[in-house]
Amino acid sequence: MHVVLVGAEFEENLAVRYLRGALEHAGHRVTTVVFNEPADSERAAREIAESGAPLAGLSMVFTYRAREFARLAERTRELGFSGHVIAGGHFAAMHAAELLSDVPALDSVAIGEGELILCQLAESLADPSHVSGLVWRNGEHIQQNADAVKPPDLDVLPFPPRKQPFDDYLGIPITNILSSRGCSRSCAFCSIAAWHKLCGGERLRLRSPEQVAEEMAELHRRGVRVFNFHDDNFVLDDKAAMHRRLDELDAALRARGVTSPIAFAIKCRPDTVDVELFERLRAMGMFRIFLGVEAGTPESLRRLGRGQTVEDNVRALQIVSQLDIHTCFNLLLLNPDSTLEDMADNVAFLRQHPHHAMNFCRTEVYSGTPLERWLRRQDRLLGDYWGYDYQISDPRAQTAFEIMYPAFEARNYGDEGLHHLTMQIDYEQQLLQRFFGPHEALRRRVKQQIVKVNLNTCDHLDRLIAGVDALADPSDAALLLEEIKAGVVRDNERLGREVKALLDEIRTAPFQPTRGKKASGWVQAAASAGLVASVTLASAGCKEKSHPTEMVAIPTATASGPPPKPVDAQVIPPLGPEGLVKPALGEKLL
């Protein structure tokens, strides 16, 4: 059967590619339609409609894009598509019945991991009543089939097909990879934990080190040297078990000839950071960590259900600094019960740890999470399932948020947001050091620039907080917003020029002759492998955009047009019923 899969591909989308691999392994023909932003809607709808496929799957993961996918489904019907349309992913699974009621263009929703569900549906379109994990429109009724079963053994899944050519940084090929699915923790705000709970089965499943090494070796033979692990939490809670897992992975990689220089990036929690373990990971090639700091006060960590302490955060940041590992983090500066004092203490935490690239936002509400249920019980949940919202209980903190979001919008969420750029320069300078040898002066300047940007942000946030605290008349908040935003925008321009100049230096550094300096191991290896030409060509056209928080590869041009704008998957603007919302001062987000 011909199946069309529709999803974003700012980076190599493993979710869609795993589905494609499973379907192709089962003998089906698969077409992938890239849908990155609303401007893609007409082109994507026509590709789906003109495919003539009996089955189309929509990767409906994120709340902030849900309406876009719903409208896309409707447009495909308007263009004459008559096949079965199934939606899957976190958002769709959490709202299966609502979507089937509100979006007639959809025929079914998958609740669970899609490989088995889609393969079963492709074999049973005429009668989907026995497809596990399916909620579907059966005549005038919505029917929910038996629960799906997660594949207990991830090793049985086919490797995801890869895009060609690979994306790259500094001419070094990069790809995404998974060594596990799920997470052992249950944070109050996390949609990942909520989705795995909804789908049942084990909360955390691991691929065998042998199979992870086999996939890495296959990619290594094709030129990949940077591996971006997309595991929700790469480091196991059990330190001894993690060391055993690394023993097996290291041995399996060596047995397959995958040795230095390679590099890999991970995500982990602060309370799993350990000097001995992270020294070992660094020796194996780990150069980057997205660290789940999330908050810098005991009250915020407790409300977020993180199960970690401020001391855990501090210790982890000290260790990664000691080991010189590129580390970035996001801080949920406000939550439903934040006070202005708690916000100030979170900013103080940022000021005490300015050496790491970071970003910040408000805690958002996602379906199925403890936070959503708690706000609903308190009758504080605003909006609907297309986008929940809330008012912070402390009116001063709410006012601070209503000023913070528009004032820092360009810095935090823009295409070239300043905090994204600081993540980018640190990321790329770490790759520069690993693959092209020491550039100490440049490294020091990068670190100094990160501190400069972060402290500048803290200065503006402190002025914002002091200004809100001093407000005698709420109507004066508009003037405070104007003042804070003007200062932030002015500094964005100045600091942005400095960061971009550093980025240009980093991207040309590998190709500048250095008197008396021996070529790095990567350059020698690349030359012997015939990769130097591609590396040199890459430097001539250094990309201007990136996906810096996840640090996935930079999008390339496609047949349908220029590179799409990347989206930060960790820090998103506030959501409301109509999607992205820019709150007005004193206005409830309804």
Foldseek 3Di string as FASTA:
>chain_A
DEEEEEEAPQFWDQLRLLQVQLQVVVPYHYHYAHDHDLVCLVVSLVVQLVVLDQEYEYAQADLLCNVSVLVSLVSNVVVPRDHAYEYEYLLCLLCVPVCVVPRVSHFKYFQARPSQQVNLCVVAVVHCQARARIFGDDDPDTDHHHADDHPQAPLVRDRGDDDPPAFDFLLQGEHEDEFKAADPAAWQADSRQLSDVRRDDDRMHGHQLLSRLVVVLVVVVVRHQEYEYPYPAPFDPDNVVRVVRVVSNVVNNVVSVNQPPGAYEEEHELQRDDQVVVVVVVNRHYQEYAYEPAFQQPVRCVNRRVPDHNVSVVVSLVNCVVVNHQYEYEYQLEEQADALVRSLSRLVSLLVRQQHQYAYHHRAHARSGNSVVVCVVVVFWDFDSSAIDGARPHVLVSLLRLLVCVLQVCQHWNLLHVSLLLLVLSVLVSVCCRQWNDPPVLNVVSSVLSSVVSVLVSVLSVQSSVVSVPDPDLVCSVVVSVVSSVSSVVVCVVSVVVSVVSVLCSSCVSPDDDPPDDGGPNVVVCVVVVSVVSSVVCSVCPDDGAQRSSGRGRAAADPVGGSDRHGHPPDDAHAHNVRHDNDDRPDDRD
